C-alpha atoms as a PDB file:
ATOM      1  CA  MET A   1      -0.012   0.001  -0.077  1.00  0.00           C
ATOM      2  CA  GLU A   2       2.879   2.438   0.852  1.00  0.00           C
ATOM      3  CA  LYS A   3       4.320   2.009  -2.590  1.00  0.00           C
ATOM      4  CA  THR A   4       1.064   2.726  -4.382  1.00  0.00           C
ATOM      5  CA  TRP A   5       0.536   5.808  -2.254  1.00  0.00           C
ATOM      6  CA  LYS A   6       3.901   7.119  -3.144  1.00  0.00           C
ATOM      7  CA  ASN A   7       3.254   6.425  -6.946  1.00  0.00           C
ATOM      8  CA  PHE A   8      -0.067   8.103  -6.703  1.00  0.00           C
ATOM      9  CA  ILE A   9       1.564  11.237  -5.209  1.00  0.00           C
ATOM     10  CA  LEU A  10       4.421  11.246  -7.789  1.00  0.00           C
ATOM     11  CA  GLU A  11       1.868  10.959 -10.521  1.00  0.00           C
ATOM     12  CA  ILE A  12      -0.071  14.001  -9.243  1.00  0.00           C
ATOM     13  CA  ALA A  13       3.242  15.913  -8.994  1.00  0.00           C
ATOM     14  CA  TYR A  14       4.105  15.028 -12.498  1.00  0.00           C
ATOM     15  CA  HIS A  15       0.685  16.136 -13.876  1.00  0.00           C
ATOM     16  CA  ILE A  16       0.852  19.493 -11.892  1.00  0.00           C
ATOM     17  CA  SER A  17       4.515  20.150 -13.190  1.00  0.00           C
ATOM     18  CA  ARG A  18       3.335  19.608 -16.760  1.00  0.00           C
ATOM     19  CA  HIS A  19       0.449  21.892 -16.206  1.00  0.00           C
ATOM     20  CA  TYR A  20       2.920  24.666 -15.179  1.00  0.00           C
ATOM     21  CA  THR A  21       5.328  24.166 -18.054  1.00  0.00           C
ATOM     22  CA  ARG A  22       2.335  24.269 -20.635  1.00  0.00           C
ATOM     23  CA  ASN A  23       0.712  27.338 -19.032  1.00  0.00           C
ATOM     24  CA  LEU A  24       3.612  29.599 -18.384  1.00  0.00           C
ATOM     25  CA  THR A  25       1.800  32.627 -19.888  1.00  0.00           C
ATOM     26  CA  SER A  26      -1.389  31.968 -17.817  1.00  0.00           C
ATOM     27  CA  THR A  27      -2.951  35.097 -16.361  1.00  0.00           C
ATOM     28  CA  ALA A  28      -3.839  33.106 -13.169  1.00  0.00           C
ATOM     29  CA  ILE A  29      -0.888  34.717 -11.460  1.00  0.00           C
ATOM     30  CA  TYR A  30      -2.674  38.075 -11.425  1.00  0.00           C
ATOM     31  CA  ASP A  31      -5.739  36.505  -9.548  1.00  0.00           C
ATOM     32  CA  VAL A  32      -3.778  35.919  -6.374  1.00  0.00           C
ATOM     33  CA  ALA A  33      -1.895  38.488  -4.450  1.00  0.00           C
ATOM     34  CA  GLY A  34       0.674  37.910  -1.675  1.00  0.00           C
ATOM     35  CA  PHE A  35       0.747  40.384   1.299  1.00  0.00           C
ATOM     36  CA  VAL A  36       3.427  41.356   3.718  1.00  0.00           C
ATOM     37  CA  SER A  37       2.618  43.411   6.769  1.00  0.00           C
ATOM     38  CA  CYS A  38       5.130  46.396   6.908  1.00  0.00           C
ATOM     39  CA  ALA A  39       3.910  48.374   9.853  1.00  0.00           C
ATOM     40  CA  PRO A  40       3.423  47.404  13.478  1.00  0.00           C
ATOM     41  CA  VAL A  41      -0.255  47.086  14.583  1.00  0.00           C
ATOM     42  CA  THR A  42       0.071  50.038  16.939  1.00  0.00           C
ATOM     43  CA  VAL A  43       0.651  52.408  14.017  1.00  0.00           C
ATOM     44  CA  VAL A  44      -2.418  51.491  11.978  1.00  0.00           C
ATOM     45  CA  SER A  45      -6.000  52.794  12.068  1.00  0.00           C
ATOM     46  CA  LYS A  46      -9.020  50.980  13.609  1.00  0.00           C
ATOM     47  CA  GLN A  47     -10.636  50.395  10.225  1.00  0.00           C
ATOM     48  CA  TRP A  48      -7.380  48.709   9.038  1.00  0.00           C
ATOM     49  CA  ILE A  49      -7.328  46.467  12.104  1.00  0.00           C
ATOM     50  CA  LYS A  50     -10.921  45.362  11.449  1.00  0.00           C
ATOM     51  CA  ILE A  51     -10.218  44.497   7.861  1.00  0.00           C
ATOM     52  CA  ASN A  52      -6.902  42.833   8.897  1.00  0.00           C
ATOM     53  CA  GLN A  53      -8.267  40.683  11.655  1.00  0.00           C
ATOM     54  CA  GLN A  54     -11.311  39.443   9.703  1.00  0.00           C
ATOM     55  CA  ILE A  55      -9.721  38.917   6.286  1.00  0.00           C
ATOM     56  CA  LEU A  56      -5.993  39.036   6.057  1.00  0.00           C
ATOM     57  CA  LYS A  57      -4.908  37.732   9.367  1.00  0.00           C
ATOM     58  CA  LEU A  58      -1.681  39.759   9.394  1.00  0.00           C
ATOM     59  CA  HIS A  59      -1.502  40.167  13.113  1.00  0.00           C
ATOM     60  CA  MET A  60       2.174  40.911  13.434  1.00  0.00           C
ATOM     61  CA  ILE A  61       4.708  42.802  11.321  1.00  0.00           C
ATOM     62  CA  PHE A  62       6.405  40.676   8.583  1.00  0.00           C
ATOM     63  CA  ASN A  63       3.499  38.166   8.508  1.00  0.00           C
ATOM     64  CA  SER A  64       2.485  37.185   4.963  1.00  0.00           C
ATOM     65  CA  THR A  65      -0.606  35.500   3.445  1.00  0.00           C
ATOM     66  CA  PHE A  66      -2.440  35.050   0.066  1.00  0.00           C
ATOM     67  CA  MET A  67      -5.706  36.460  -1.123  1.00  0.00           C
ATOM     68  CA  LYS A  68      -7.908  36.125  -4.159  1.00  0.00           C
ATOM     69  CA  LEU A  69      -8.254  39.427  -5.955  1.00  0.00           C
ATOM     70  CA  ASN A  70     -11.557  40.825  -7.093  1.00  0.00           C
ATOM     71  CA  LYS A  71     -13.154  44.274  -6.959  1.00  0.00           C
ATOM     72  CA  ALA A  72     -14.036  44.270  -3.228  1.00  0.00           C
ATOM     73  CA  SER A  73     -10.588  43.058  -2.249  1.00  0.00           C
ATOM     74  CA  ILE A  74      -8.906  45.727  -4.363  1.00  0.00           C
ATOM     75  CA  ASN A  75     -11.055  48.416  -2.731  1.00  0.00           C
ATOM     76  CA  MET A  76      -9.938  47.049   0.755  1.00  0.00           C
ATOM     77  CA  LEU A  77      -6.309  47.255  -0.466  1.00  0.00           C
ATOM     78  CA  ARG A  78      -6.729  50.978  -1.103  1.00  0.00           C
ATOM     79  CA  ILE A  79      -7.376  51.464   2.593  1.00  0.00           C
ATOM     80  CA  MET A  80      -4.565  49.252   3.868  1.00  0.00           C
ATOM     81  CA  GLU A  81      -1.991  50.236   1.172  1.00  0.00           C
ATOM     82  CA  PRO A  82       0.147  52.476   3.420  1.00  0.00           C
ATOM     83  CA  TYR A  83       0.714  49.578   5.847  1.00  0.00           C
ATOM     84  CA  ILE A  84       1.191  46.540   3.677  1.00  0.00           C
ATOM     85  CA  ALA A  85       3.393  45.525   0.621  1.00  0.00           C
ATOM     86  CA  TRP A  86       1.513  43.415  -1.908  1.00  0.00           C
ATOM     87  CA  GLY A  87       1.944  42.046  -5.368  1.00  0.00           C
ATOM     88  CA  TYR A  88       1.604  39.035  -7.651  1.00  0.00           C
ATOM     89  CA  PRO A  89       3.936  36.257  -6.461  1.00  0.00           C
ATOM     90  CA  ASN A  90       5.436  33.889  -9.022  1.00  0.00           C
ATOM     91  CA  LEU A  91       5.376  30.128  -8.589  1.00  0.00           C
ATOM     92  CA  LYS A  92       8.842  29.962  -7.205  1.00  0.00           C
ATOM     93  CA  SER A  93       8.026  32.349  -4.356  1.00  0.00           C
ATOM     94  CA  VAL A  94       4.772  30.490  -3.472  1.00  0.00           C
ATOM     95  CA  ASN A  95       6.680  27.248  -3.528  1.00  0.00           C
ATOM     96  CA  GLU A  96       9.585  28.535  -1.333  1.00  0.00           C
ATOM     97  CA  LEU A  97       7.121  30.119   1.137  1.00  0.00           C
ATOM     98  CA  ILE A  98       4.983  27.029   1.673  1.00  0.00           C
ATOM     99  CA  TYR A  99       7.916  24.575   1.809  1.00  0.00           C
ATOM    100  CA  LYS A 100      10.080  26.736   4.139  1.00  0.00           C
ATOM    101  CA  ARG A 101       7.610  28.602   6.230  1.00  0.00           C
ATOM    102  CA  GLY A 102       4.363  26.558   5.760  1.00  0.00           C
ATOM    103  CA  TYR A 103       2.339  25.719   8.807  1.00  0.00           C
ATOM    104  CA  GLY A 104      -1.222  24.288   8.879  1.00  0.00           C
ATOM    105  CA  LYS A 105      -4.162  24.863  11.057  1.00  0.00           C
ATOM    106  CA  ILE A 106      -4.918  21.386  12.513  1.00  0.00           C
ATOM    107  CA  ASN A 107      -7.321  21.134  15.459  1.00  0.00           C
ATOM    108  CA  LYS A 108      -6.802  24.974  15.851  1.00  0.00           C
ATOM    109  CA  LYS A 109      -3.083  24.330  16.415  1.00  0.00           C
ATOM    110  CA  ARG A 110      -0.093  25.720  14.393  1.00  0.00           C
ATOM    111  CA  ILE A 111       1.516  22.473  12.989  1.00  0.00           C
ATOM    112  CA  ALA A 112       4.537  22.460  10.558  1.00  0.00           C
ATOM    113  CA  LEU A 113       3.887  21.009   7.219  1.00  0.00           C
ATOM    114  CA  THR A 114       6.554  18.354   7.308  1.00  0.00           C
ATOM    115  CA  ASP A 115       4.530  15.363   5.985  1.00  0.00           C
ATOM    116  CA  ASN A 116       1.949  14.880   3.229  1.00  0.00           C
ATOM    117  CA  ALA A 117      -0.102  12.817   5.638  1.00  0.00           C
ATOM    118  CA  LEU A 118      -0.995  15.963   7.635  1.00  0.00           C
ATOM    119  CA  ILE A 119      -2.196  17.600   4.475  1.00  0.00           C
ATOM    120  CA  ALA A 120      -4.178  14.493   3.331  1.00  0.00           C
ATOM    121  CA  ARG A 121      -5.831  14.119   6.745  1.00  0.00           C
ATOM    122  CA  SER A 122      -6.995  17.787   6.789  1.00  0.00           C
ATOM    123  CA  LEU A 123      -7.729  18.578   3.166  1.00  0.00           C
ATOM    124  CA  GLY A 124      -8.128  15.005   1.724  1.00  0.00           C
ATOM    125  CA  LYS A 125     -11.900  15.486   1.529  1.00  0.00           C
ATOM    126  CA  TYR A 126     -11.276  18.364  -0.950  1.00  0.00           C
ATOM    127  CA  GLY A 127      -8.923  16.211  -3.109  1.00  0.00           C
ATOM    128  CA  ILE A 128      -5.762  17.906  -1.817  1.00  0.00           C
ATOM    129  CA  ILE A 129      -3.367  15.127  -0.582  1.00  0.00           C
ATOM    130  CA  CYS A 130       0.118  16.446  -0.862  1.00  0.00           C
ATOM    131  CA  MET A 131       2.210  19.616  -0.783  1.00  0.00           C
ATOM    132  CA  GLU A 132       2.234  20.010  -4.513  1.00  0.00           C
ATOM    133  CA  ASP A 133      -1.635  19.961  -4.612  1.00  0.00           C
ATOM    134  CA  LEU A 134      -1.541  22.748  -1.902  1.00  0.00           C
ATOM    135  CA  ILE A 135       0.757  24.825  -3.860  1.00  0.00           C
ATOM    136  CA  HIS A 136      -1.225  24.245  -7.148  1.00  0.00           C
ATOM    137  CA  LYS A 137      -4.563  25.387  -5.491  1.00  0.00           C
ATOM    138  CA  ILE A 138      -3.001  28.452  -4.023  1.00  0.00           C
ATOM    139  CA  TYR A 139      -1.042  29.442  -7.232  1.00  0.00           C
ATOM    140  CA  THR A 140      -3.828  28.862  -9.777  1.00  0.00           C
ATOM    141  CA  ILE A 141      -6.730  29.873  -7.562  1.00  0.00           C
ATOM    142  CA  GLY A 142      -8.185  26.369  -7.746  1.00  0.00           C
ATOM    143  CA  LYS A 143     -11.728  25.352  -6.827  1.00  0.00           C
ATOM    144  CA  ARG A 144     -10.892  25.002  -3.089  1.00  0.00           C
ATOM    145  CA  PHE A 145      -8.744  28.082  -2.706  1.00  0.00           C
ATOM    146  CA  LYS A 146     -10.769  29.340   0.275  1.00  0.00           C
ATOM    147  CA  GLU A 147     -10.433  26.096   2.214  1.00  0.00           C
ATOM    148  CA  THR A 148      -6.762  25.746   1.256  1.00  0.00           C
ATOM    149  CA  ASN A 149      -5.905  29.350   2.193  1.00  0.00           C
ATOM    150  CA  ASN A 150      -7.828  29.022   5.525  1.00  0.00           C
ATOM    151  CA  PHE A 151      -5.810  25.811   6.285  1.00  0.00           C
ATOM    152  CA  LEU A 152      -2.509  27.670   5.925  1.00  0.00           C
ATOM    153  CA  TRP A 153      -1.385  29.546   8.977  1.00  0.00           C
ATOM    154  CA  PRO A 154      -0.137  33.120   8.063  1.00  0.00           C
ATOM    155  CA  PHE A 155       3.682  32.843   7.228  1.00  0.00           C
ATOM    156  CA  LYS A 156       6.075  34.404   9.800  1.00  0.00           C
ATOM    157  CA  LEU A 157       8.872  35.970   7.789  1.00  0.00           C
ATOM    158  CA  SER A 158      12.151  37.361   9.072  1.00  0.00           C
ATOM    159  CA  SER A 159      13.010  41.001   8.788  1.00  0.00           C
ATOM    160  CA  PRO A 160      14.390  41.702   5.311  1.00  0.00           C
ATOM    161  CA  ARG A 161      18.065  41.516   4.522  1.00  0.00           C
ATOM    162  CA  GLY A 162      19.250  44.996   3.858  1.00  0.00           C
ATOM    163  CA  ARG A 163      16.430  46.484   5.991  1.00  0.00           C
ATOM    164  CA  MET A 164      13.211  48.131   4.949  1.00  0.00           C
ATOM    165  CA  LYS A 165      13.764  51.518   3.337  1.00  0.00           C
ATOM    166  CA  LYS A 166      10.633  53.569   4.204  1.00  0.00           C
ATOM    167  CA  LYS A 167       7.843  51.406   5.611  1.00  0.00           C
ATOM    168  CA  THR A 168       4.954  53.755   5.048  1.00  0.00           C
ATOM    169  CA  THR A 169       6.134  55.368   1.796  1.00  0.00           C
ATOM    170  CA  HIS A 170       4.739  53.877  -1.364  1.00  0.00           C
ATOM    171  CA  PHE A 171       6.837  51.644  -3.471  1.00  0.00           C
ATOM    172  CA  ILE A 172       6.660  53.977  -6.450  1.00  0.00           C
ATOM    173  CA  GLU A 173       8.084  56.684  -4.347  1.00  0.00           C
ATOM    174  CA  GLY A 174      11.039  54.705  -3.201  1.00  0.00           C
ATOM    175  CA  GLY A 175       9.442  53.118  -0.128  1.00  0.00           C
ATOM    176  CA  ASP A 176       8.281  49.606   0.688  1.00  0.00           C
ATOM    177  CA  ALA A 177       4.491  49.808   1.114  1.00  0.00           C
ATOM    178  CA  GLY A 178       1.860  49.478  -1.611  1.00  0.00           C
ATOM    179  CA  ASN A 179       1.500  47.453  -4.791  1.00  0.00           C
ATOM    180  CA  ARG A 180       4.807  46.054  -6.121  1.00  0.00           C
ATOM    181  CA  GLU A 181       3.106  43.995  -8.908  1.00  0.00           C
ATOM    182  CA  ASP A 182       5.384  41.278  -9.923  1.00  0.00           C
ATOM    183  CA  GLN A 183       8.339  42.672  -7.824  1.00  0.00           C
ATOM    184  CA  ILE A 184       6.805  41.175  -4.555  1.00  0.00           C
ATOM    185  CA  HIS A 185       8.901  38.015  -5.051  1.00  0.00           C
ATOM    186  CA  ARG A 186      12.010  40.027  -4.440  1.00  0.00           C
ATOM    187  CA  LEU A 187      10.803  41.173  -1.144  1.00  0.00           C
ATOM    188  CA  ILE A 188       9.644  37.700  -0.164  1.00  0.00           C
ATOM    189  CA  ARG A 189      13.119  36.195  -0.990  1.00  0.00           C
ATOM    190  CA  ARG A 190      14.758  38.860   1.214  1.00  0.00           C
ATOM    191  CA  MET A 191      12.599  37.999   4.026  1.00  0.00           C
ATOM    192  CA  ASN A 192      12.343  34.136   3.634  1.00  0.00           C
END
């Protein structure tokens, strides 16, 4: 049984990798946004704290998470833009974040994702049985993105190498906050 389970997981990983190599020009990358909290919670407004606690779960500085982008979420970002850095992560950044800093919410506890059995036990009912499935659902905004994203604990990143320049100044003006578009992966790599 152990051998067939491993073969099954390897087969899924093979199909997912083929999907990525065929769809390198997919626009799905712009449907998901990665967020990094840049300002401590004491600095921000009460409206930001409400949105943060209910939706993004960025409770501490340098926490990171993913979110599906739509009109409502983009309007929320306008409120929170001075306090967070966000953008469209590439596959390598999503992969590195989940493998290195990935923790799951299992029985309301923060458990490191070291084994595919943990993922299969928690998300198996949705057809997600291994780490590659988890990464695939997050990156491509799969059918069960909401359940997958709720399963992931917010990533606790280190402070960036080379320090933050200006936390509350927009990225366009030479700071660190705001929309970095596809440059968010550089910040994530400095912090991972």
